[in-house]
PDB file of N, CA and C in Angstrom:
ATOM      1  N   MET A   1      15.877 -20.965  -9.981  1.00  0.00           N
ATOM      2  CA  MET A   1      14.569 -21.247  -9.402  1.00  0.00           C
ATOM      3  C   MET A   1      14.370 -20.431  -8.126  1.00  0.00           C
ATOM      4  N   GLY A   2      15.394 -20.336  -7.297  1.00  0.00           N
ATOM      5  CA  GLY A   2      15.288 -19.582  -6.055  1.00  0.00           C
ATOM      6  C   GLY A   2      15.076 -18.097  -6.294  1.00  0.00           C
ATOM      7  N   ILE A   3      15.643 -17.591  -7.390  1.00  0.00           N
ATOM      8  CA  ILE A   3      15.480 -16.178  -7.711  1.00  0.00           C
ATOM      9  C   ILE A   3      14.015 -15.885  -8.039  1.00  0.00           C
ATOM     10  N   ALA A   4      13.385 -16.764  -8.786  1.00  0.00           N
ATOM     11  CA  ALA A   4      11.978 -16.558  -9.145  1.00  0.00           C
ATOM     12  C   ALA A   4      11.086 -16.619  -7.914  1.00  0.00           C
ATOM     13  N   ILE A   5      11.386 -17.515  -6.992  1.00  0.00           N
ATOM     14  CA  ILE A   5      10.595 -17.610  -5.761  1.00  0.00           C
ATOM     15  C   ILE A   5      10.776 -16.336  -4.933  1.00  0.00           C
ATOM     16  N   GLY A   6      12.007 -15.860  -4.819  1.00  0.00           N
ATOM     17  CA  GLY A   6      12.266 -14.626  -4.081  1.00  0.00           C
ATOM     18  C   GLY A   6      11.569 -13.424  -4.706  1.00  0.00           C
ATOM     19  N   ALA A   7      11.577 -13.360  -6.039  1.00  0.00           N
ATOM     20  CA  ALA A   7      10.908 -12.257  -6.728  1.00  0.00           C
ATOM     21  C   ALA A   7       9.401 -12.332  -6.512  1.00  0.00           C
ATOM     22  N   GLY A   8       8.849 -13.524  -6.537  1.00  0.00           N
ATOM     23  CA  GLY A   8       7.415 -13.689  -6.283  1.00  0.00           C
ATOM     24  C   GLY A   8       7.027 -13.264  -4.881  1.00  0.00           C
ATOM     25  N   ILE A   9       7.847 -13.623  -3.921  1.00  0.00           N
ATOM     26  CA  ILE A   9       7.572 -13.225  -2.533  1.00  0.00           C
ATOM     27  C   ILE A   9       7.689 -11.709  -2.387  1.00  0.00           C
ATOM     28  N   ALA A  10       8.653 -11.099  -3.051  1.00  0.00           N
ATOM     29  CA  ALA A  10       8.821  -9.647  -2.964  1.00  0.00           C
ATOM     30  C   ALA A  10       7.620  -8.912  -3.550  1.00  0.00           C
ATOM     31  N   VAL A  11       7.055  -9.446  -4.613  1.00  0.00           N
ATOM     32  CA  VAL A  11       5.918  -8.798  -5.260  1.00  0.00           C
ATOM     33  C   VAL A  11       4.648  -8.958  -4.431  1.00  0.00           C
ATOM     34  N   LEU A  12       4.607  -9.921  -3.533  1.00  0.00           N
ATOM     35  CA  LEU A  12       3.421 -10.118  -2.689  1.00  0.00           C
ATOM     36  C   LEU A  12       3.179  -8.958  -1.726  1.00  0.00           C
ATOM     37  N   THR A  13       4.111  -8.036  -1.621  1.00  0.00           N
ATOM     38  CA  THR A  13       3.882  -6.869  -0.771  1.00  0.00           C
ATOM     39  C   THR A  13       2.711  -6.037  -1.284  1.00  0.00           C
ATOM     40  N   GLY A  14       2.388  -6.192  -2.557  1.00  0.00           N
ATOM     41  CA  GLY A  14       1.235  -5.488  -3.123  1.00  0.00           C
ATOM     42  C   GLY A  14      -0.073  -5.912  -2.486  1.00  0.00           C
ATOM     43  N   ILE A  15      -0.154  -7.164  -2.044  1.00  0.00           N
ATOM     44  CA  ILE A  15      -1.369  -7.643  -1.377  1.00  0.00           C
ATOM     45  C   ILE A  15      -1.552  -6.918  -0.054  1.00  0.00           C
ATOM     46  N   GLY A  16      -0.485  -6.817   0.708  1.00  0.00           N
ATOM     47  CA  GLY A  16      -0.561  -6.116   1.986  1.00  0.00           C
ATOM     48  C   GLY A  16      -0.914  -4.649   1.808  1.00  0.00           C
ATOM     49  N   ALA A  17      -0.356  -4.037   0.792  1.00  0.00           N
ATOM     50  CA  ALA A  17      -0.662  -2.624   0.532  1.00  0.00           C
ATOM     51  C   ALA A  17      -2.120  -2.453   0.140  1.00  0.00           C
ATOM     52  N   GLY A  18      -2.636  -3.347  -0.667  1.00  0.00           N
ATOM     53  CA  GLY A  18      -4.039  -3.272  -1.068  1.00  0.00           C
ATOM     54  C   GLY A  18      -4.984  -3.437   0.106  1.00  0.00           C
ATOM     55  N   ILE A  19      -4.679  -4.389   0.979  1.00  0.00           N
ATOM     56  CA  ILE A  19      -5.505  -4.586   2.170  1.00  0.00           C
ATOM     57  C   ILE A  19      -5.428  -3.369   3.079  1.00  0.00           C
ATOM     58  N   GLY A  20      -4.235  -2.834   3.270  1.00  0.00           N
ATOM     59  CA  GLY A  20      -4.062  -1.662   4.124  1.00  0.00           C
ATOM     60  C   GLY A  20      -4.783  -0.435   3.592  1.00  0.00           C
ATOM     61  N   ILE A  21      -4.702  -0.207   2.293  1.00  0.00           N
ATOM     62  CA  ILE A  21      -5.372   0.946   1.701  1.00  0.00           C
ATOM     63  C   ILE A  21      -6.889   0.782   1.791  1.00  0.00           C
ATOM     64  N   GLY A  22      -7.380  -0.414   1.551  1.00  0.00           N
ATOM     65  CA  GLY A  22      -8.816  -0.659   1.666  1.00  0.00           C
ATOM     66  C   GLY A  22      -9.323  -0.448   3.085  1.00  0.00           C
ATOM     67  N   PHE A  23      -8.577  -0.937   4.053  1.00  0.00           N
ATOM     68  CA  PHE A  23      -8.950  -0.762   5.458  1.00  0.00           C
ATOM     69  C   PHE A  23      -8.947   0.717   5.837  1.00  0.00           C
ATOM     70  N   ALA A  24      -7.921   1.436   5.428  1.00  0.00           N
ATOM     71  CA  ALA A  24      -7.821   2.861   5.749  1.00  0.00           C
ATOM     72  C   ALA A  24      -8.941   3.660   5.093  1.00  0.00           C
ATOM     73  N   THR A  25      -9.279   3.329   3.860  1.00  0.00           N
ATOM     74  CA  THR A  25     -10.355   4.033   3.172  1.00  0.00           C
ATOM     75  C   THR A  25     -11.694   3.800   3.850  1.00  0.00           C
ATOM     76  N   GLY A  26     -11.931   2.571   4.265  1.00  0.00           N
ATOM     77  CA  GLY A  26     -13.165   2.273   4.980  1.00  0.00           C
ATOM     78  C   GLY A  26     -13.275   3.026   6.291  1.00  0.00           C
ATOM     79  N   LYS A  27     -12.200   3.040   7.036  1.00  0.00           N
ATOM     80  CA  LYS A  27     -12.210   3.747   8.318  1.00  0.00           C
ATOM     81  C   LYS A  27     -12.337   5.256   8.137  1.00  0.00           C
ATOM     82  N   SER A  28     -11.713   5.804   7.095  1.00  0.00           N
ATOM     83  CA  SER A  28     -11.847   7.244   6.875  1.00  0.00           C
ATOM     84  C   SER A  28     -13.269   7.598   6.442  1.00  0.00           C
ATOM     85  N   SER A  29     -13.917   6.729   5.675  1.00  0.00           N
ATOM     86  CA  SER A  29     -15.308   6.968   5.306  1.00  0.00           C
ATOM     87  C   SER A  29     -16.203   6.961   6.543  1.00  0.00           C
ATOM     88  N   GLU A  30     -15.946   6.044   7.464  1.00  0.00           N
ATOM     89  CA  GLU A  30     -16.698   6.016   8.719  1.00  0.00           C
ATOM     90  C   GLU A  30     -16.457   7.287   9.526  1.00  0.00           C
ATOM     91  N   ALA A  31     -15.207   7.729   9.568  1.00  0.00           N
ATOM     92  CA  ALA A  31     -14.880   8.928  10.340  1.00  0.00           C
ATOM     93  C   ALA A  31     -15.543  10.166   9.746  1.00  0.00           C
ATOM     94  N   ILE A  32     -15.561  10.267   8.423  1.00  0.00           N
ATOM     95  CA  ILE A  32     -16.207  11.415   7.780  1.00  0.00           C
ATOM     96  C   ILE A  32     -17.716  11.362   8.006  1.00  0.00           C
ATOM     97  N   ALA A  33     -18.284  10.155   8.005  1.00  0.00           N
ATOM     98  CA  ALA A  33     -19.721  10.030   8.254  1.00  0.00           C
ATOM     99  C   ALA A  33     -20.071  10.451   9.679  1.00  0.00           C
ATOM    100  N   ARG A  34     -19.173  10.203  10.615  1.00  0.00           N
ATOM    101  CA  ARG A  34     -19.437  10.566  12.008  1.00  0.00           C
ATOM    102  C   ARG A  34     -19.193  12.048  12.276  1.00  0.00           C
ATOM    103  N   GLN A  35     -18.157  12.604  11.644  1.00  0.00           N
ATOM    104  CA  GLN A  35     -17.828  14.016  11.864  1.00  0.00           C
ATOM    105  C   GLN A  35     -17.525  14.681  10.521  1.00  0.00           C
ATOM    106  N   PRO A  36     -18.562  15.086   9.801  1.00  0.00           N
ATOM    107  CA  PRO A  36     -18.349  15.678   8.467  1.00  0.00           C
ATOM    108  C   PRO A  36     -17.536  16.965   8.487  1.00  0.00           C
ATOM    109  N   GLU A  37     -17.537  17.688   9.613  1.00  0.00           N
ATOM    110  CA  GLU A  37     -16.808  18.957   9.652  1.00  0.00           C
ATOM    111  C   GLU A  37     -15.298  18.776   9.614  1.00  0.00           C
ATOM    112  N   SER A  38     -14.802  17.597   9.944  1.00  0.00           N
ATOM    113  CA  SER A  38     -13.358  17.367   9.887  1.00  0.00           C
ATOM    114  C   SER A  38     -12.956  16.517   8.684  1.00  0.00           C
ATOM    115  N   ALA A  39     -13.753  16.600   7.623  1.00  0.00           N
ATOM    116  CA  ALA A  39     -13.475  15.803   6.421  1.00  0.00           C
ATOM    117  C   ALA A  39     -12.153  16.207   5.764  1.00  0.00           C
ATOM    118  N   GLY A  40     -11.813  17.486   5.804  1.00  0.00           N
ATOM    119  CA  GLY A  40     -10.564  17.941   5.169  1.00  0.00           C
ATOM    120  C   GLY A  40      -9.334  17.334   5.815  1.00  0.00           C
ATOM    121  N   GLN A  41      -9.269  17.344   7.135  1.00  0.00           N
ATOM    122  CA  GLN A  41      -8.122  16.789   7.853  1.00  0.00           C
ATOM    123  C   GLN A  41      -8.067  15.269   7.691  1.00  0.00           C
ATOM    124  N   ILE A  42      -9.228  14.626   7.706  1.00  0.00           N
ATOM    125  CA  ILE A  42      -9.261  13.167   7.547  1.00  0.00           C
ATOM    126  C   ILE A  42      -8.773  12.789   6.153  1.00  0.00           C
ATOM    127  N   SER A  43      -9.206  13.550   5.143  1.00  0.00           N
ATOM    128  CA  SER A  43      -8.785  13.253   3.768  1.00  0.00           C
ATOM    129  C   SER A  43      -7.284  13.436   3.584  1.00  0.00           C
ATOM    130  N   LYS A  44      -6.734  14.476   4.199  1.00  0.00           N
ATOM    131  CA  LYS A  44      -5.281  14.680   4.107  1.00  0.00           C
ATOM    132  C   LYS A  44      -4.520  13.503   4.708  1.00  0.00           C
ATOM    133  N   ASN A  45      -4.958  13.066   5.882  1.00  0.00           N
ATOM    134  CA  ASN A  45      -4.296  11.931   6.526  1.00  0.00           C
ATOM    135  C   ASN A  45      -4.464  10.655   5.717  1.00  0.00           C
ATOM    136  N   LEU A  46      -5.639  10.483   5.108  1.00  0.00           N
ATOM    137  CA  LEU A  46      -5.875   9.291   4.285  1.00  0.00           C
ATOM    138  C   LEU A  46      -4.950   9.269   3.083  1.00  0.00           C
ATOM    139  N   ILE A  47      -4.816  10.391   2.410  1.00  0.00           N
ATOM    140  CA  ILE A  47      -3.967  10.438   1.222  1.00  0.00           C
ATOM    141  C   ILE A  47      -2.504  10.178   1.584  1.00  0.00           C
ATOM    142  N   LEU A  48      -2.053  10.737   2.686  1.00  0.00           N
ATOM    143  CA  LEU A  48      -0.690  10.495   3.124  1.00  0.00           C
ATOM    144  C   LEU A  48      -0.476   9.020   3.465  1.00  0.00           C
ATOM    145  N   GLY A  49      -1.405   8.436   4.187  1.00  0.00           N
ATOM    146  CA  GLY A  49      -1.288   7.023   4.551  1.00  0.00           C
ATOM    147  C   GLY A  49      -1.332   6.110   3.348  1.00  0.00           C
ATOM    148  N   CYS A  50      -2.205   6.415   2.391  1.00  0.00           N
ATOM    149  CA  CYS A  50      -2.276   5.600   1.177  1.00  0.00           C
ATOM    150  C   CYS A  50      -0.999   5.713   0.352  1.00  0.00           C
ATOM    151  N   ALA A  51      -0.421   6.894   0.315  1.00  0.00           N
ATOM    152  CA  ALA A  51       0.834   7.062  -0.425  1.00  0.00           C
ATOM    153  C   ALA A  51       1.953   6.244   0.206  1.00  0.00           C
ATOM    154  N   LEU A  52       2.016   6.240   1.524  1.00  0.00           N
ATOM    155  CA  LEU A  52       3.055   5.451   2.195  1.00  0.00           C
ATOM    156  C   LEU A  52       2.821   3.949   2.008  1.00  0.00           C
ATOM    157  N   ALA A  53       1.569   3.517   2.063  1.00  0.00           N
ATOM    158  CA  ALA A  53       1.273   2.096   1.856  1.00  0.00           C
ATOM    159  C   ALA A  53       1.590   1.684   0.425  1.00  0.00           C
ATOM    160  N   GLU A  54       1.270   2.537  -0.526  1.00  0.00           N
ATOM    161  CA  GLU A  54       1.552   2.220  -1.917  1.00  0.00           C
ATOM    162  C   GLU A  54       3.055   2.203  -2.184  1.00  0.00           C
ATOM    163  N   ALA A  55       3.806   3.021  -1.465  1.00  0.00           N
ATOM    164  CA  ALA A  55       5.263   3.030  -1.642  1.00  0.00           C
ATOM    165  C   ALA A  55       5.861   1.682  -1.264  1.00  0.00           C
ATOM    166  N   THR A  56       5.321   1.033  -0.235  1.00  0.00           N
ATOM    167  CA  THR A  56       5.848  -0.288   0.126  1.00  0.00           C
ATOM    168  C   THR A  56       5.598  -1.303  -0.982  1.00  0.00           C
ATOM    169  N   ALA A  57       4.455  -1.198  -1.648  1.00  0.00           N
ATOM    170  CA  ALA A  57       4.174  -2.101  -2.767  1.00  0.00           C
ATOM    171  C   ALA A  57       5.134  -1.844  -3.923  1.00  0.00           C
ATOM    172  N   ILE A  58       5.416  -0.588  -4.185  1.00  0.00           N
ATOM    173  CA  ILE A  58       6.341  -0.250  -5.272  1.00  0.00           C
ATOM    174  C   ILE A  58       7.748  -0.742  -4.942  1.00  0.00           C
ATOM    175  N   TYR A  59       8.161  -0.606  -3.679  1.00  0.00           N
ATOM    176  CA  TYR A  59       9.478  -1.113  -3.279  1.00  0.00           C
ATOM    177  C   TYR A  59       9.558  -2.624  -3.482  1.00  0.00           C
ATOM    178  N   GLY A  60       8.520  -3.338  -3.104  1.00  0.00           N
ATOM    179  CA  GLY A  60       8.504  -4.789  -3.311  1.00  0.00           C
ATOM    180  C   GLY A  60       8.581  -5.153  -4.778  1.00  0.00           C
ATOM    181  N   PHE A  61       7.857  -4.416  -5.611  1.00  0.00           N
ATOM    182  CA  PHE A  61       7.888  -4.651  -7.048  1.00  0.00           C
ATOM    183  C   PHE A  61       9.283  -4.405  -7.614  1.00  0.00           C
ATOM    184  N   LEU A  62       9.917  -3.329  -7.182  1.00  0.00           N
ATOM    185  CA  LEU A  62      11.274  -3.031  -7.655  1.00  0.00           C
ATOM    186  C   LEU A  62      12.280  -4.091  -7.207  1.00  0.00           C
ATOM    187  N   ILE A  63      12.132  -4.573  -5.979  1.00  0.00           N
ATOM    188  CA  ILE A  63      13.014  -5.637  -5.510  1.00  0.00           C
ATOM    189  C   ILE A  63      12.843  -6.886  -6.369  1.00  0.00           C
ATOM    190  N   GLY A  64      11.594  -7.211  -6.683  1.00  0.00           N
ATOM    191  CA  GLY A  64      11.323  -8.362  -7.555  1.00  0.00           C
ATOM    192  C   GLY A  64      11.964  -8.219  -8.911  1.00  0.00           C
ATOM    193  N   ILE A  65      11.842  -7.036  -9.515  1.00  0.00           N
ATOM    194  CA  ILE A  65      12.451  -6.801 -10.820  1.00  0.00           C
ATOM    195  C   ILE A  65      13.961  -6.881 -10.737  1.00  0.00           C
ATOM    196  N   LEU A  66      14.535  -6.280  -9.688  1.00  0.00           N
ATOM    197  CA  LEU A  66      15.991  -6.342  -9.521  1.00  0.00           C
ATOM    198  C   LEU A  66      16.468  -7.771  -9.345  1.00  0.00           C
ATOM    199  N   LEU A  67      15.728  -8.571  -8.600  1.00  0.00           N
ATOM    200  CA  LEU A  67      16.129  -9.967  -8.413  1.00  0.00           C
ATOM    201  C   LEU A  67      16.121 -10.736  -9.725  1.00  0.00           C
ATOM    202  N   ILE A  68      15.147 -10.464 -10.561  1.00  0.00           N
ATOM    203  CA  ILE A  68      15.050 -11.198 -11.828  1.00  0.00           C
ATOM    204  C   ILE A  68      16.143 -10.752 -12.798  1.00  0.00           C
ATOM    205  N   PHE A  69      16.306  -9.449 -12.978  1.00  0.00           N
ATOM    206  CA  PHE A  69      17.195  -8.970 -14.044  1.00  0.00           C
ATOM    207  C   PHE A  69      18.645  -8.799 -13.621  1.00  0.00           C
ATOM    208  N   MET A  70      18.937  -8.695 -12.348  1.00  0.00           N
ATOM    209  CA  MET A  70      20.312  -8.479 -11.916  1.00  0.00           C
ATOM    210  C   MET A  70      21.010  -9.776 -11.511  1.00  0.00           C
ATOM    211  N   SER A  71      20.282 -10.862 -11.474  1.00  0.00           N
ATOM    212  CA  SER A  71      20.912 -12.126 -11.061  1.00  0.00           C
ATOM    213  C   SER A  71      21.199 -13.027 -12.237  1.00  0.00           C
TER     214      SER A  71
END
């Protein structure tokens, strides 16, 4: 029972990643609207930030799977 609870908590990192990516996308859209000439640099930073945020969700998912199948 404890393993399932731990796996569920580990998978909840996807919620944080989703909120973070949504917040970053909104802010980058505002930044591009304010300064369209720097859209290229803003987009590069957005993609890098989203990739790092998504990596945390994937790590949480992998931890959850490892907890279920390795225990």
